PDB file of N, CA and C in Angstrom:
ATOM      1  N   MET A   1      80.536   6.017 -18.920  1.00  0.00           N
ATOM      2  CA  MET A   1      78.781   6.253 -19.141  1.00  0.00           C
ATOM      3  C   MET A   1      78.489   7.606 -18.738  1.00  0.00           C
ATOM      4  N   LYS A   2      77.677   8.340 -19.851  1.00  0.00           N
ATOM      5  CA  LYS A   2      76.917   9.325 -20.024  1.00  0.00           C
ATOM      6  C   LYS A   2      75.169   9.581 -19.055  1.00  0.00           C
ATOM      7  N   LYS A   3      75.688  10.344 -17.816  1.00  0.00           N
ATOM      8  CA  LYS A   3      74.164  11.132 -17.073  1.00  0.00           C
ATOM      9  C   LYS A   3      73.605  11.640 -17.433  1.00  0.00           C
ATOM     10  N   ILE A   4      72.290  11.661 -18.091  1.00  0.00           N
ATOM     11  CA  ILE A   4      71.120  12.500 -18.724  1.00  0.00           C
ATOM     12  C   ILE A   4      69.860  12.689 -17.835  1.00  0.00           C
ATOM     13  N   VAL A   5      70.210  13.252 -17.694  1.00  0.00           N
ATOM     14  CA  VAL A   5      68.320  13.943 -16.757  1.00  0.00           C
ATOM     15  C   VAL A   5      68.046  15.311 -17.444  1.00  0.00           C
ATOM     16  N   LEU A   6      66.553  14.751 -17.710  1.00  0.00           N
ATOM     17  CA  LEU A   6      65.447  15.699 -18.244  1.00  0.00           C
ATOM     18  C   LEU A   6      64.757  15.981 -16.970  1.00  0.00           C
ATOM     19  N   LEU A   7      64.409  17.402 -16.886  1.00  0.00           N
ATOM     20  CA  LEU A   7      63.648  17.880 -15.755  1.00  0.00           C
ATOM     21  C   LEU A   7      62.653  18.602 -16.659  1.00  0.00           C
ATOM     22  N   CYS A   8      60.855  18.611 -15.639  1.00  0.00           N
ATOM     23  CA  CYS A   8      59.746  19.139 -16.376  1.00  0.00           C
ATOM     24  C   CYS A   8      59.182  19.606 -15.034  1.00  0.00           C
ATOM     25  N   ASN A   9      58.527  19.476 -15.167  1.00  0.00           N
ATOM     26  CA  ASN A   9      56.984  20.139 -13.511  1.00  0.00           C
ATOM     27  C   ASN A   9      57.278  18.818 -12.290  1.00  0.00           C
ATOM     28  N   GLY A  10      56.983  17.577 -12.952  1.00  0.00           N
ATOM     29  CA  GLY A  10      56.712  17.035 -11.903  1.00  0.00           C
ATOM     30  C   GLY A  10      57.473  15.196 -12.589  1.00  0.00           C
ATOM     31  N   GLY A  11      57.855  15.097 -14.075  1.00  0.00           N
ATOM     32  CA  GLY A  11      58.354  14.500 -13.733  1.00  0.00           C
ATOM     33  C   GLY A  11      57.702  13.082 -14.722  1.00  0.00           C
ATOM     34  N   LEU A  12      56.534  13.557 -14.916  1.00  0.00           N
ATOM     35  CA  LEU A  12      55.531  12.656 -15.189  1.00  0.00           C
ATOM     36  C   LEU A  12      55.590  12.358 -16.934  1.00  0.00           C
ATOM     37  N   SER A  13      55.514  13.928 -17.472  1.00  0.00           N
ATOM     38  CA  SER A  13      55.317  13.631 -19.088  1.00  0.00           C
ATOM     39  C   SER A  13      57.059  13.161 -19.494  1.00  0.00           C
ATOM     40  N   THR A  14      57.668  13.451 -18.444  1.00  0.00           N
ATOM     41  CA  THR A  14      59.408  13.278 -19.351  1.00  0.00           C
ATOM     42  C   THR A  14      59.714  11.682 -18.758  1.00  0.00           C
ATOM     43  N   GLY A  15      59.637  10.750 -17.800  1.00  0.00           N
ATOM     44  CA  GLY A  15      59.065   9.405 -17.333  1.00  0.00           C
ATOM     45  C   GLY A  15      59.020   8.916 -18.776  1.00  0.00           C
ATOM     46  N   ILE A  16      57.686   9.256 -19.762  1.00  0.00           N
ATOM     47  CA  ILE A  16      57.430   8.788 -20.944  1.00  0.00           C
ATOM     48  C   ILE A  16      59.122   8.553 -21.421  1.00  0.00           C
ATOM     49  N   LEU A  17      58.783   9.897 -21.996  1.00  0.00           N
ATOM     50  CA  LEU A  17      59.935  10.163 -23.167  1.00  0.00           C
ATOM     51  C   LEU A  17      61.294   9.605 -22.726  1.00  0.00           C
ATOM     52  N   VAL A  18      61.691   8.818 -20.976  1.00  0.00           N
ATOM     53  CA  VAL A  18      62.957   8.911 -20.768  1.00  0.00           C
ATOM     54  C   VAL A  18      62.956   7.801 -21.410  1.00  0.00           C
ATOM     55  N   LYS A  19      61.661   6.416 -20.550  1.00  0.00           N
ATOM     56  CA  LYS A  19      61.536   5.235 -21.580  1.00  0.00           C
ATOM     57  C   LYS A  19      61.303   5.197 -23.194  1.00  0.00           C
ATOM     58  N   LYS A  20      61.397   6.059 -24.322  1.00  0.00           N
ATOM     59  CA  LYS A  20      61.632   5.790 -25.485  1.00  0.00           C
ATOM     60  C   LYS A  20      63.333   6.307 -26.190  1.00  0.00           C
ATOM     61  N   MET A  21      63.728   7.143 -25.221  1.00  0.00           N
ATOM     62  CA  MET A  21      65.017   7.765 -24.909  1.00  0.00           C
ATOM     63  C   MET A  21      66.023   6.204 -24.829  1.00  0.00           C
ATOM     64  N   GLU A  22      65.601   5.366 -23.919  1.00  0.00           N
ATOM     65  CA  GLU A  22      66.090   3.970 -23.061  1.00  0.00           C
ATOM     66  C   GLU A  22      66.711   3.165 -24.470  1.00  0.00           C
ATOM     67  N   ALA A  23      64.710   3.469 -25.212  1.00  0.00           N
ATOM     68  CA  ALA A  23      64.403   2.121 -25.855  1.00  0.00           C
ATOM     69  C   ALA A  23      65.428   2.690 -27.104  1.00  0.00           C
ATOM     70  N   ALA A  24      65.468   3.954 -27.493  1.00  0.00           N
ATOM     71  CA  ALA A  24      66.613   4.537 -28.649  1.00  0.00           C
ATOM     72  C   ALA A  24      68.176   3.965 -28.461  1.00  0.00           C
ATOM     73  N   ALA A  25      68.308   4.207 -27.222  1.00  0.00           N
ATOM     74  CA  ALA A  25      69.881   4.601 -26.410  1.00  0.00           C
ATOM     75  C   ALA A  25      70.131   2.398 -27.407  1.00  0.00           C
ATOM     76  N   GLN A  26      69.369   1.968 -26.461  1.00  0.00           N
ATOM     77  CA  GLN A  26      69.823   0.378 -26.309  1.00  0.00           C
ATOM     78  C   GLN A  26      69.378  -0.221 -27.442  1.00  0.00           C
ATOM     79  N   LYS A  27      68.860   0.082 -28.733  1.00  0.00           N
ATOM     80  CA  LYS A  27      68.928   0.039 -30.085  1.00  0.00           C
ATOM     81  C   LYS A  27      70.564   0.585 -30.695  1.00  0.00           C
ATOM     82  N   ASP A  28      71.147   1.541 -30.575  1.00  0.00           N
ATOM     83  CA  ASP A  28      71.786   1.157 -31.138  1.00  0.00           C
ATOM     84  C   ASP A  28      73.200   1.952 -30.159  1.00  0.00           C
ATOM     85  N   SER A  29      73.481   0.000 -28.792  1.00  0.00           N
ATOM     86  CA  SER A  29      74.317   0.768 -28.190  1.00  0.00           C
ATOM     87  C   SER A  29      75.113   2.023 -27.769  1.00  0.00           C
ATOM     88  N   TYR A  30      73.938   2.674 -27.079  1.00  0.00           N
ATOM     89  CA  TYR A  30      74.849   3.672 -27.063  1.00  0.00           C
ATOM     90  C   TYR A  30      74.311   3.405 -25.255  1.00  0.00           C
ATOM     91  N   GLU A  31      75.618   3.420 -24.275  1.00  0.00           N
ATOM     92  CA  GLU A  31      75.728   3.075 -23.045  1.00  0.00           C
ATOM     93  C   GLU A  31      75.691   4.878 -22.526  1.00  0.00           C
ATOM     94  N   CYS A  32      74.160   4.189 -21.859  1.00  0.00           N
ATOM     95  CA  CYS A  32      73.934   5.786 -20.842  1.00  0.00           C
ATOM     96  C   CYS A  32      72.846   5.702 -19.710  1.00  0.00           C
ATOM     97  N   GLU A  33      73.156   6.268 -19.076  1.00  0.00           N
ATOM     98  CA  GLU A  33      72.072   6.211 -18.176  1.00  0.00           C
ATOM     99  C   GLU A  33      70.684   7.869 -17.650  1.00  0.00           C
ATOM    100  N   ILE A  34      69.943   7.790 -18.452  1.00  0.00           N
ATOM    101  CA  ILE A  34      68.683   8.857 -18.245  1.00  0.00           C
ATOM    102  C   ILE A  34      67.901   8.826 -16.993  1.00  0.00           C
ATOM    103  N   ALA A  35      67.370   9.688 -16.839  1.00  0.00           N
ATOM    104  CA  ALA A  35      66.203   9.815 -15.899  1.00  0.00           C
ATOM    105  C   ALA A  35      65.458  10.830 -15.930  1.00  0.00           C
ATOM    106  N   ALA A  36      64.306  10.891 -15.349  1.00  0.00           N
ATOM    107  CA  ALA A  36      63.708  12.141 -15.274  1.00  0.00           C
ATOM    108  C   ALA A  36      62.848  12.972 -13.681  1.00  0.00           C
ATOM    109  N   TYR A  37      63.478  13.899 -13.398  1.00  0.00           N
ATOM    110  CA  TYR A  37      63.490  14.499 -11.800  1.00  0.00           C
ATOM    111  C   TYR A  37      61.931  15.556 -12.218  1.00  0.00           C
ATOM    112  N   PRO A  38      61.652  16.812 -11.161  1.00  0.00           N
ATOM    113  CA  PRO A  38      60.804  17.888 -11.548  1.00  0.00           C
ATOM    114  C   PRO A  38      61.903  19.032 -11.379  1.00  0.00           C
ATOM    115  N   VAL A  39      61.974  19.678 -12.141  1.00  0.00           N
ATOM    116  CA  VAL A  39      63.177  20.666 -12.340  1.00  0.00           C
ATOM    117  C   VAL A  39      63.014  21.319 -10.729  1.00  0.00           C
ATOM    118  N   ALA A  40      62.195  21.289  -9.690  1.00  0.00           N
ATOM    119  CA  ALA A  40      62.424  21.866  -7.983  1.00  0.00           C
ATOM    120  C   ALA A  40      64.411  21.055  -7.667  1.00  0.00           C
ATOM    121  N   ASP A  41      64.001  19.795  -8.344  1.00  0.00           N
ATOM    122  CA  ASP A  41      65.603  18.869  -8.151  1.00  0.00           C
ATOM    123  C   ASP A  41      66.770  19.363  -9.005  1.00  0.00           C
ATOM    124  N   ALA A  42      66.707  20.298  -9.542  1.00  0.00           N
ATOM    125  CA  ALA A  42      67.837  20.607 -10.314  1.00  0.00           C
ATOM    126  C   ALA A  42      69.333  20.595 -10.066  1.00  0.00           C
ATOM    127  N   GLU A  43      69.159  21.013  -8.919  1.00  0.00           N
ATOM    128  CA  GLU A  43      70.663  21.030  -8.297  1.00  0.00           C
ATOM    129  C   GLU A  43      71.007  19.990  -7.503  1.00  0.00           C
ATOM    130  N   GLU A  44      70.611  19.079  -7.139  1.00  0.00           N
ATOM    131  CA  GLU A  44      70.688  18.233  -6.195  1.00  0.00           C
ATOM    132  C   GLU A  44      70.969  17.134  -7.538  1.00  0.00           C
ATOM    133  N   VAL A  45      70.461  16.097  -8.737  1.00  0.00           N
ATOM    134  CA  VAL A  45      70.136  15.714  -9.346  1.00  0.00           C
ATOM    135  C   VAL A  45      71.543  16.213 -10.320  1.00  0.00           C
ATOM    136  N   GLY A  46      71.941  17.878 -10.710  1.00  0.00           N
ATOM    137  CA  GLY A  46      72.454  17.756 -11.464  1.00  0.00           C
ATOM    138  C   GLY A  46      74.066  17.886 -10.877  1.00  0.00           C
ATOM    139  N   LYS A  47      74.228  17.420  -9.666  1.00  0.00           N
ATOM    140  CA  LYS A  47      75.625  17.034  -9.178  1.00  0.00           C
ATOM    141  C   LYS A  47      76.470  15.946  -9.912  1.00  0.00           C
ATOM    142  N   SER A  48      75.682  15.090 -10.409  1.00  0.00           N
ATOM    143  CA  SER A  48      76.041  13.730 -11.401  1.00  0.00           C
ATOM    144  C   SER A  48      75.763  13.748 -12.530  1.00  0.00           C
ATOM    145  N   ALA A  49      74.730  14.608 -13.100  1.00  0.00           N
ATOM    146  CA  ALA A  49      75.174  14.820 -14.266  1.00  0.00           C
ATOM    147  C   ALA A  49      75.765  15.254 -15.426  1.00  0.00           C
ATOM    148  N   ASP A  50      76.152  14.446 -16.667  1.00  0.00           N
ATOM    149  CA  ASP A  50      76.113  15.168 -17.750  1.00  0.00           C
ATOM    150  C   ASP A  50      75.508  16.395 -18.787  1.00  0.00           C
ATOM    151  N   LEU A  51      74.751  15.520 -18.675  1.00  0.00           N
ATOM    152  CA  LEU A  51      73.778  17.246 -19.154  1.00  0.00           C
ATOM    153  C   LEU A  51      72.567  17.087 -19.292  1.00  0.00           C
ATOM    154  N   ILE A  52      72.033  18.130 -18.855  1.00  0.00           N
ATOM    155  CA  ILE A  52      70.776  18.216 -18.359  1.00  0.00           C
ATOM    156  C   ILE A  52      69.561  18.526 -19.436  1.00  0.00           C
ATOM    157  N   LEU A  53      68.830  18.180 -19.478  1.00  0.00           N
ATOM    158  CA  LEU A  53      67.578  18.195 -20.794  1.00  0.00           C
ATOM    159  C   LEU A  53      66.305  19.119 -20.303  1.00  0.00           C
ATOM    160  N   LEU A  54      65.785  20.352 -20.268  1.00  0.00           N
ATOM    161  CA  LEU A  54      65.079  20.907 -19.880  1.00  0.00           C
ATOM    162  C   LEU A  54      63.912  20.471 -20.565  1.00  0.00           C
ATOM    163  N   GLY A  55      62.696  20.158 -20.095  1.00  0.00           N
ATOM    164  CA  GLY A  55      61.264  20.310 -21.095  1.00  0.00           C
ATOM    165  C   GLY A  55      60.506  21.209 -21.391  1.00  0.00           C
ATOM    166  N   PRO A  56      59.639  21.246 -22.628  1.00  0.00           N
ATOM    167  CA  PRO A  56      59.471  22.497 -23.459  1.00  0.00           C
ATOM    168  C   PRO A  56      59.063  23.527 -21.959  1.00  0.00           C
ATOM    169  N   GLN A  57      58.398  23.081 -21.538  1.00  0.00           N
ATOM    170  CA  GLN A  57      56.889  24.109 -20.473  1.00  0.00           C
ATOM    171  C   GLN A  57      58.160  24.034 -19.413  1.00  0.00           C
ATOM    172  N   VAL A  58      59.821  23.967 -18.929  1.00  0.00           N
ATOM    173  CA  VAL A  58      60.074  24.805 -17.715  1.00  0.00           C
ATOM    174  C   VAL A  58      60.589  25.584 -18.488  1.00  0.00           C
ATOM    175  N   ARG A  59      61.643  25.462 -19.592  1.00  0.00           N
ATOM    176  CA  ARG A  59      62.603  26.558 -21.117  1.00  0.00           C
ATOM    177  C   ARG A  59      62.947  27.490 -19.889  1.00  0.00           C
ATOM    178  N   PHE A  60      61.708  28.595 -19.564  1.00  0.00           N
ATOM    179  CA  PHE A  60      61.740  30.010 -18.357  1.00  0.00           C
ATOM    180  C   PHE A  60      62.248  29.644 -17.748  1.00  0.00           C
ATOM    181  N   GLN A  61      63.140  28.412 -17.298  1.00  0.00           N
ATOM    182  CA  GLN A  61      64.071  28.075 -16.296  1.00  0.00           C
ATOM    183  C   GLN A  61      65.405  28.211 -15.842  1.00  0.00           C
ATOM    184  N   MET A  62      65.700  27.969 -17.684  1.00  0.00           N
ATOM    185  CA  MET A  62      67.184  27.397 -17.702  1.00  0.00           C
ATOM    186  C   MET A  62      68.555  28.350 -17.355  1.00  0.00           C
ATOM    187  N   ASP A  63      68.020  29.724 -17.167  1.00  0.00           N
ATOM    188  CA  ASP A  63      69.160  30.705 -16.313  1.00  0.00           C
ATOM    189  C   ASP A  63      68.864  29.725 -14.557  1.00  0.00           C
ATOM    190  N   VAL A  64      67.970  29.852 -14.389  1.00  0.00           N
ATOM    191  CA  VAL A  64      68.045  29.849 -12.789  1.00  0.00           C
ATOM    192  C   VAL A  64      68.951  28.005 -13.140  1.00  0.00           C
ATOM    193  N   VAL A  65      68.617  26.993 -13.671  1.00  0.00           N
ATOM    194  CA  VAL A  65      68.734  25.534 -13.884  1.00  0.00           C
ATOM    195  C   VAL A  65      70.481  25.796 -13.564  1.00  0.00           C
ATOM    196  N   LYS A  66      70.887  26.763 -14.972  1.00  0.00           N
ATOM    197  CA  LYS A  66      72.052  27.057 -15.115  1.00  0.00           C
ATOM    198  C   LYS A  66      73.410  27.489 -14.007  1.00  0.00           C
ATOM    199  N   LYS A  67      73.040  27.838 -13.507  1.00  0.00           N
ATOM    200  CA  LYS A  67      73.313  29.059 -12.119  1.00  0.00           C
ATOM    201  C   LYS A  67      73.558  27.268 -10.885  1.00  0.00           C
ATOM    202  N   GLN A  68      72.435  26.777 -10.614  1.00  0.00           N
ATOM    203  CA  GLN A  68      72.578  25.962  -9.990  1.00  0.00           C
ATOM    204  C   GLN A  68      73.321  24.575 -10.656  1.00  0.00           C
ATOM    205  N   VAL A  69      73.706  23.951 -11.651  1.00  0.00           N
ATOM    206  CA  VAL A  69      74.704  23.017 -12.238  1.00  0.00           C
ATOM    207  C   VAL A  69      75.926  22.914 -12.688  1.00  0.00           C
ATOM    208  N   SER A  70      76.753  22.983 -12.615  1.00  0.00           N
ATOM    209  CA  SER A  70      78.167  22.800 -13.961  1.00  0.00           C
ATOM    210  C   SER A  70      78.134  21.995 -15.691  1.00  0.00           C
ATOM    211  N   CYS A  71      76.845  21.224 -15.157  1.00  0.00           N
ATOM    212  CA  CYS A  71      76.546  20.896 -16.602  1.00  0.00           C
ATOM    213  C   CYS A  71      76.188  21.487 -17.514  1.00  0.00           C
ATOM    214  N   PRO A  72      76.022  21.251 -18.565  1.00  0.00           N
ATOM    215  CA  PRO A  72      75.326  21.993 -19.996  1.00  0.00           C
ATOM    216  C   PRO A  72      74.155  21.358 -19.740  1.00  0.00           C
ATOM    217  N   VAL A  73      73.199  22.677 -20.177  1.00  0.00           N
ATOM    218  CA  VAL A  73      71.477  22.586 -19.590  1.00  0.00           C
ATOM    219  C   VAL A  73      71.191  23.013 -21.377  1.00  0.00           C
ATOM    220  N   ILE A  74      70.296  22.005 -21.459  1.00  0.00           N
ATOM    221  CA  ILE A  74      69.847  22.538 -22.852  1.00  0.00           C
ATOM    222  C   ILE A  74      68.225  22.556 -22.884  1.00  0.00           C
ATOM    223  N   SER A  75      67.316  23.410 -23.670  1.00  0.00           N
ATOM    224  CA  SER A  75      66.058  22.764 -23.645  1.00  0.00           C
ATOM    225  C   SER A  75      65.818  22.268 -25.053  1.00  0.00           C
ATOM    226  N   ILE A  76      64.815  20.832 -24.262  1.00  0.00           N
ATOM    227  CA  ILE A  76      64.217  19.913 -25.532  1.00  0.00           C
ATOM    228  C   ILE A  76      63.322  20.156 -26.617  1.00  0.00           C
ATOM    229  N   GLU A  77      64.039  20.057 -27.580  1.00  0.00           N
ATOM    230  CA  GLU A  77      63.182  20.228 -29.207  1.00  0.00           C
ATOM    231  C   GLU A  77      61.450  20.215 -29.008  1.00  0.00           C
ATOM    232  N   PRO A  78      60.717  21.591 -28.598  1.00  0.00           N
ATOM    233  CA  PRO A  78      59.253  21.346 -28.515  1.00  0.00           C
ATOM    234  C   PRO A  78      58.250  20.092 -28.791  1.00  0.00           C
ATOM    235  N   VAL A  79      58.797  20.416 -30.689  1.00  0.00           N
ATOM    236  CA  VAL A  79      57.919  18.800 -31.294  1.00  0.00           C
ATOM    237  C   VAL A  79      58.368  17.837 -31.529  1.00  0.00           C
ATOM    238  N   SER A  80      59.845  17.304 -30.733  1.00  0.00           N
ATOM    239  CA  SER A  80      60.464  16.211 -30.707  1.00  0.00           C
ATOM    240  C   SER A  80      59.934  15.715 -29.143  1.00  0.00           C
ATOM    241  N   TYR A  81      59.758  16.261 -28.223  1.00  0.00           N
ATOM    242  CA  TYR A  81      59.005  16.727 -26.690  1.00  0.00           C
ATOM    243  C   TYR A  81      57.440  16.070 -27.537  1.00  0.00           C
ATOM    244  N   GLY A  82      56.769  16.725 -27.471  1.00  0.00           N
ATOM    245  CA  GLY A  82      55.168  16.706 -28.058  1.00  0.00           C
ATOM    246  C   GLY A  82      55.085  15.427 -28.433  1.00  0.00           C
ATOM    247  N   THR A  83      55.991  15.642 -29.692  1.00  0.00           N
ATOM    248  CA  THR A  83      55.697  13.640 -30.418  1.00  0.00           C
ATOM    249  C   THR A  83      56.003  12.571 -30.074  1.00  0.00           C
ATOM    250  N   MET A  84      57.006  12.987 -28.669  1.00  0.00           N
ATOM    251  CA  MET A  84      57.620  11.847 -27.899  1.00  0.00           C
ATOM    252  C   MET A  84      58.789  11.070 -28.495  1.00  0.00           C
ATOM    253  N   ASN A  85      58.896  11.884 -29.391  1.00  0.00           N
ATOM    254  CA  ASN A  85      60.402  10.605 -29.934  1.00  0.00           C
ATOM    255  C   ASN A  85      61.631  10.776 -29.667  1.00  0.00           C
ATOM    256  N   GLY A  86      61.554  10.174 -28.996  1.00  0.00           N
ATOM    257  CA  GLY A  86      63.459   9.304 -27.795  1.00  0.00           C
ATOM    258  C   GLY A  86      64.245   9.622 -28.584  1.00  0.00           C
ATOM    259  N   GLU A  87      64.435   8.854 -29.912  1.00  0.00           N
ATOM    260  CA  GLU A  87      65.394   8.877 -30.907  1.00  0.00           C
ATOM    261  C   GLU A  87      65.781  10.350 -31.071  1.00  0.00           C
ATOM    262  N   LYS A  88      65.014  11.243 -31.457  1.00  0.00           N
ATOM    263  CA  LYS A  88      65.025  12.505 -31.902  1.00  0.00           C
ATOM    264  C   LYS A  88      65.630  13.434 -30.505  1.00  0.00           C
ATOM    265  N   VAL A  89      65.290  12.752 -29.243  1.00  0.00           N
ATOM    266  CA  VAL A  89      65.456  13.828 -28.151  1.00  0.00           C
ATOM    267  C   VAL A  89      67.501  13.432 -27.677  1.00  0.00           C
ATOM    268  N   LEU A  90      66.977  11.608 -27.574  1.00  0.00           N
ATOM    269  CA  LEU A  90      68.415  11.120 -27.804  1.00  0.00           C
ATOM    270  C   LEU A  90      69.472  11.763 -28.711  1.00  0.00           C
ATOM    271  N   LYS A  91      69.105  11.830 -30.114  1.00  0.00           N
ATOM    272  CA  LYS A  91      70.458  12.405 -31.126  1.00  0.00           C
ATOM    273  C   LYS A  91      71.087  14.013 -30.238  1.00  0.00           C
ATOM    274  N   GLN A  92      69.665  14.781 -29.731  1.00  0.00           N
ATOM    275  CA  GLN A  92      70.163  15.945 -29.391  1.00  0.00           C
ATOM    276  C   GLN A  92      71.183  16.397 -28.156  1.00  0.00           C
ATOM    277  N   ALA A  93      70.517  15.141 -27.291  1.00  0.00           N
ATOM    278  CA  ALA A  93      71.315  14.975 -26.148  1.00  0.00           C
ATOM    279  C   ALA A  93      73.057  14.275 -26.311  1.00  0.00           C
ATOM    280  N   ARG A  94      73.123  13.608 -27.039  1.00  0.00           N
ATOM    281  CA  ARG A  94      74.727  13.081 -27.705  1.00  0.00           C
ATOM    282  C   ARG A  94      74.988  14.230 -28.988  1.00  0.00           C
ATOM    283  N   LYS A  95      74.556  14.777 -29.218  1.00  0.00           N
ATOM    284  CA  LYS A  95      75.072  15.716 -30.150  1.00  0.00           C
ATOM    285  C   LYS A  95      75.571  16.920 -29.231  1.00  0.00           C
ATOM    286  N   GLU A  96      74.954  17.891 -28.080  1.00  0.00           N
ATOM    287  CA  GLU A  96      75.228  17.938 -27.443  1.00  0.00           C
ATOM    288  C   GLU A  96      76.532  17.538 -26.445  1.00  0.00           C
ATOM    289  N   LEU A  97      76.580  16.622 -26.144  1.00  0.00           N
ATOM    290  CA  LEU A  97      77.702  15.634 -25.351  1.00  0.00           C
ATOM    291  C   LEU A  97      78.676  15.697 -26.129  1.00  0.00           C
ATOM    292  N   GLY A  98      78.693  15.180 -27.907  1.00  0.00           N
ATOM    293  CA  GLY A  98      79.890  15.831 -28.794  1.00  0.00           C
ATOM    294  C   GLY A  98      80.467  13.871 -28.787  1.00  0.00           C
ATOM    295  N   ASP A  99      78.534  13.314 -28.717  1.00  0.00           N
ATOM    296  CA  ASP A  99      79.178  11.663 -29.216  1.00  0.00           C
ATOM    297  C   ASP A  99      78.291  11.406 -30.407  1.00  0.00           C
ATOM    298  N   GLU A 100      78.130  12.435 -31.325  1.00  0.00           N
ATOM    299  CA  GLU A 100      77.139  11.999 -32.108  1.00  0.00           C
ATOM    300  C   GLU A 100      78.283  12.552 -33.632  1.00  0.00           C
TER     301      GLU A 100
END
């Protein structure tokens, strides 16, 4: 089972997106674990993540996060994030993981 981690400033808005991504994963019968954390926790949560998705508001920290973890780190597409489109963000994650 793949573990997808979303990072943002405090985890609140990404927490909403996680719920929508989980619903999309359930609809597609895609088994994964999705969680949201503040970007300050990147090094710790990155130890067990298969993929880290950065919220658009923290994408400027991409290079810092990449140095802290060994998994791929990508930025969530801003329009998908702004509209809280869990299906599109999950599709982006699955593509990056090679599961699409």
